[in-house]
Protein backbone atom coordinates (compact mmCIF):
# COMPACT_ATOMS: atom_id res chain seq x y z
CA UNK A 1 38.91 -15.07 37.02
CA UNK A 2 40.51 -17.10 39.77
CA UNK A 3 39.04 -20.54 40.36
CA UNK A 4 39.69 -23.55 42.54
CA UNK A 5 39.34 -27.04 41.10
CA UNK A 6 39.31 -30.42 42.83
CA UNK A 7 40.73 -33.22 40.70
CA UNK A 8 41.16 -36.96 41.12
CA UNK A 9 43.79 -38.91 39.18
CA UNK A 10 46.77 -41.22 39.39
CA UNK A 11 49.95 -39.27 40.12
CA UNK A 12 53.41 -40.60 39.32
CA UNK A 13 56.09 -40.09 41.96
CA UNK A 14 59.83 -40.68 41.53
CA UNK A 15 61.06 -43.62 43.65
CA UNK A 16 63.51 -41.48 45.64
CA UNK A 17 60.62 -39.23 46.69
CA UNK A 18 58.14 -42.07 47.27
CA UNK A 19 60.54 -43.88 49.63
CA UNK A 20 61.43 -40.73 51.55
CA UNK A 21 58.81 -41.64 54.17
CA UNK A 22 56.32 -38.81 53.63
CA UNK A 23 54.08 -39.84 50.72
CA UNK A 24 51.81 -36.79 50.90
CA UNK A 25 54.77 -34.39 50.59
CA UNK A 26 56.23 -36.47 47.75
CA UNK A 27 52.92 -36.36 45.85
CA UNK A 28 52.56 -32.61 46.45
CA UNK A 29 56.09 -31.99 45.20
CA UNK A 30 55.47 -34.11 42.08
CA UNK A 31 52.20 -32.30 41.32
CA UNK A 32 53.73 -28.86 41.85
CA UNK A 33 56.70 -29.64 39.59
CA UNK A 34 54.42 -30.96 36.86
CA UNK A 35 51.50 -28.52 36.99
CA UNK A 36 52.37 -25.09 38.38
CA UNK A 37 52.76 -22.53 35.63
CA UNK A 38 51.19 -24.76 32.99
CA UNK A 39 48.29 -23.67 30.77
CA UNK A 40 45.34 -26.06 30.80
CA UNK A 41 42.56 -25.86 28.18
CA UNK A 42 39.82 -25.92 30.82
CA UNK A 43 41.37 -24.45 33.96
CA UNK A 44 43.64 -21.79 32.44
CA UNK A 45 46.98 -21.04 34.08
CA UNK A 46 47.59 -23.29 37.06
CA UNK A 47 48.99 -21.06 39.77
CA UNK A 48 49.34 -23.47 42.66
CA UNK A 49 48.60 -26.98 43.87
CA UNK A 50 46.94 -26.17 47.18
CA UNK A 51 46.60 -29.56 48.80
CA UNK A 52 46.73 -33.26 47.99
CA UNK A 53 45.29 -36.33 49.67
CA UNK A 54 46.54 -39.81 48.78
CA UNK A 55 43.50 -42.08 48.37
CA UNK A 56 45.15 -45.52 48.37
CA UNK A 57 48.26 -47.62 47.84
CA UNK A 58 50.78 -46.99 45.09
CA UNK A 59 51.14 -49.24 42.06
CA UNK A 60 54.06 -50.03 39.78
CA UNK A 61 53.76 -50.22 36.01
CA UNK A 62 56.02 -52.30 33.77
CA UNK A 63 58.98 -50.38 32.34
CA UNK A 64 58.13 -47.25 34.37
CA UNK A 65 60.27 -46.29 37.37
CA UNK A 66 57.59 -44.09 38.95
CA UNK A 67 55.14 -45.23 41.61
CA UNK A 68 51.55 -44.16 40.90
CA UNK A 69 49.17 -43.14 43.69
CA UNK A 70 45.46 -42.35 43.45
CA UNK A 71 45.24 -38.73 44.58
CA UNK A 72 42.54 -36.12 45.15
CA UNK A 73 44.05 -32.64 44.95
CA UNK A 74 43.06 -29.00 44.67
CA UNK A 75 44.54 -26.38 42.35
CA UNK A 76 44.18 -22.60 42.13
CA UNK A 77 44.04 -21.31 38.57
CA UNK A 78 43.56 -18.11 36.59
CA UNK A 79 41.35 -18.24 33.52
CA UNK A 80 40.98 -14.96 31.63
CA UNK A 81 37.40 -14.56 30.43
CA UNK A 82 36.40 -12.50 27.41
CA UNK A 83 34.85 -9.12 28.34
CA UNK A 84 35.94 -9.50 31.99
CA UNK A 85 37.16 -6.29 33.63
CA UNK A 86 40.35 -6.54 35.69
CA UNK A 87 42.80 -4.30 37.49
CA UNK A 88 46.46 -4.56 36.65
CA UNK A 89 49.82 -2.81 36.72
CA UNK A 90 51.59 -1.56 33.61
CA UNK A 91 54.71 -3.76 33.60
CA UNK A 92 56.35 -2.63 30.34
CA UNK A 93 55.82 -0.16 27.52
CA UNK A 94 56.99 -0.57 23.96
CA UNK A 95 56.39 1.36 20.75
CA UNK A 96 53.47 -0.95 19.86
CA UNK A 97 51.70 -0.91 23.24
CA UNK A 98 51.74 -1.52 26.97
CA UNK A 99 51.97 -4.81 28.84
CA UNK A 100 49.72 -5.06 31.89
CA UNK A 101 50.36 -7.57 34.67
CA UNK A 102 47.13 -9.32 35.63
CA UNK A 103 48.78 -11.36 38.37
CA UNK A 104 50.03 -14.67 37.02
CA UNK A 105 50.33 -13.41 33.43
CA UNK A 106 50.55 -10.27 31.31
CA UNK A 107 48.19 -8.95 28.69
CA UNK A 108 48.87 -6.48 25.89
CA UNK A 109 47.06 -3.19 25.32
CA UNK A 110 47.88 -2.15 21.75
CA UNK A 111 48.70 1.55 21.44
CA UNK A 112 45.41 2.12 19.58
CA UNK A 113 43.52 0.77 22.61
CA UNK A 114 45.22 2.89 25.29
CA UNK A 115 43.13 6.06 25.07
CA UNK A 116 40.36 7.68 23.04
CA UNK A 117 42.99 9.75 21.21
CA UNK A 118 46.27 9.29 19.38
CA UNK A 119 49.26 8.65 21.63
CA UNK A 120 52.99 9.18 21.38
CA UNK A 121 55.49 6.71 22.80
CA UNK A 122 57.86 8.44 25.24
CA UNK A 123 61.00 6.30 25.41
CA UNK A 124 62.60 8.17 28.34
CA UNK A 125 59.51 7.80 30.53
CA UNK A 126 58.78 4.24 29.32
CA UNK A 127 55.21 5.20 28.60
CA UNK A 128 52.71 7.01 26.43
CA UNK A 129 51.29 10.52 26.27
CA UNK A 130 47.94 11.52 24.75
CA UNK A 131 48.29 14.11 21.98
CA UNK A 132 45.13 16.06 22.86
CA UNK A 133 44.74 15.77 26.64
CA UNK A 134 48.36 15.22 27.67
CA UNK A 135 47.34 12.19 29.75
CA UNK A 136 50.23 9.85 30.51
CA UNK A 137 50.54 6.13 31.00
CA UNK A 138 53.80 4.83 32.44
CA UNK A 139 55.29 1.64 33.81
CA UNK A 140 54.00 1.12 37.36
CA UNK A 141 50.60 2.77 36.79
CA UNK A 142 47.55 0.89 38.04
CA UNK A 143 44.89 0.53 35.35
CA UNK A 144 41.47 -0.99 34.76
CA UNK A 145 41.29 -3.07 31.58
CA UNK A 146 38.80 -5.21 29.68
CA UNK A 147 39.86 -8.57 28.22
CA UNK A 148 39.08 -8.53 24.49
CA UNK A 149 41.03 -11.54 23.24
CA UNK A 150 42.37 -14.81 24.66
CA UNK A 151 44.38 -17.23 22.57
CA UNK A 152 46.11 -20.31 23.86
CA UNK A 153 49.10 -21.88 22.20
CA UNK A 154 49.91 -25.59 22.30
CA UNK A 155 49.67 -27.02 25.82
CA UNK A 156 53.30 -28.15 25.74
CA UNK A 157 54.44 -24.54 25.25
CA UNK A 158 52.28 -23.17 28.07
CA UNK A 159 51.60 -19.93 26.19
CA UNK A 160 48.55 -17.74 26.53
CA UNK A 161 48.10 -14.39 24.79
CA UNK A 162 45.67 -11.88 26.22
CA UNK A 163 44.50 -8.77 24.38
CA UNK A 164 43.21 -5.85 26.43
CA UNK A 165 41.56 -2.47 25.92
CA UNK A 166 41.34 0.72 27.97
CA UNK A 167 39.26 2.77 25.50
CA UNK A 168 35.81 2.04 26.89
CA UNK A 169 34.01 3.94 29.65
CA UNK A 170 35.37 3.42 33.17
CA UNK A 171 38.61 1.89 31.93
CA UNK A 172 42.18 3.21 32.15
CA UNK A 173 43.80 4.99 35.06
CA UNK A 174 41.55 6.03 37.97
CA UNK A 175 42.67 9.66 37.67
CA UNK A 176 41.39 9.79 34.07
CA UNK A 177 37.89 8.86 35.23
CA UNK A 178 37.96 11.31 38.12
CA UNK A 179 38.77 14.16 35.72
CA UNK A 180 35.91 13.15 33.40
CA UNK A 181 33.42 12.98 36.28
CA UNK A 182 34.58 16.36 37.57
CA UNK A 183 33.79 17.95 34.22
CA UNK A 184 37.38 18.29 33.04
CA UNK A 185 38.95 16.29 30.26
């Protein structure tokens, strides 16, 4: 789920940026360099710092070259939520499963969660083929997935692992559902 947060904190700015004349741009640049792409425990993956407003004068701290400004800023983030249904694009296929791009990050659909049947990995096509129905799943296909697992690594690593499934009703490729609804398998 995408969310927007408004935060208020002291932001450190390098002196060469702070004295450039445009404080707001210097603060925005500092925030973007520090936050974008990071994984936060509460907000998820920070995609972008949207805007920043300096709320007062800067202060200097002993033995710290940065100048700190009180800032109110907004960020756009992506937080995967358990059981949430999302659309994505198959970005890679390996023997063990398919990676699905959910926008700012990828999730993994293990090969046992791709279809309601056994699948074979087809190296040449970079995808999978169902043994009973002949359905295929290849890189570039648009799919509907359910988030079944979210695990976050240490904040300093900025790692988030997302487990997905396509085995439940109304999940997978759109054409699979259309065939089911039309009476064909």
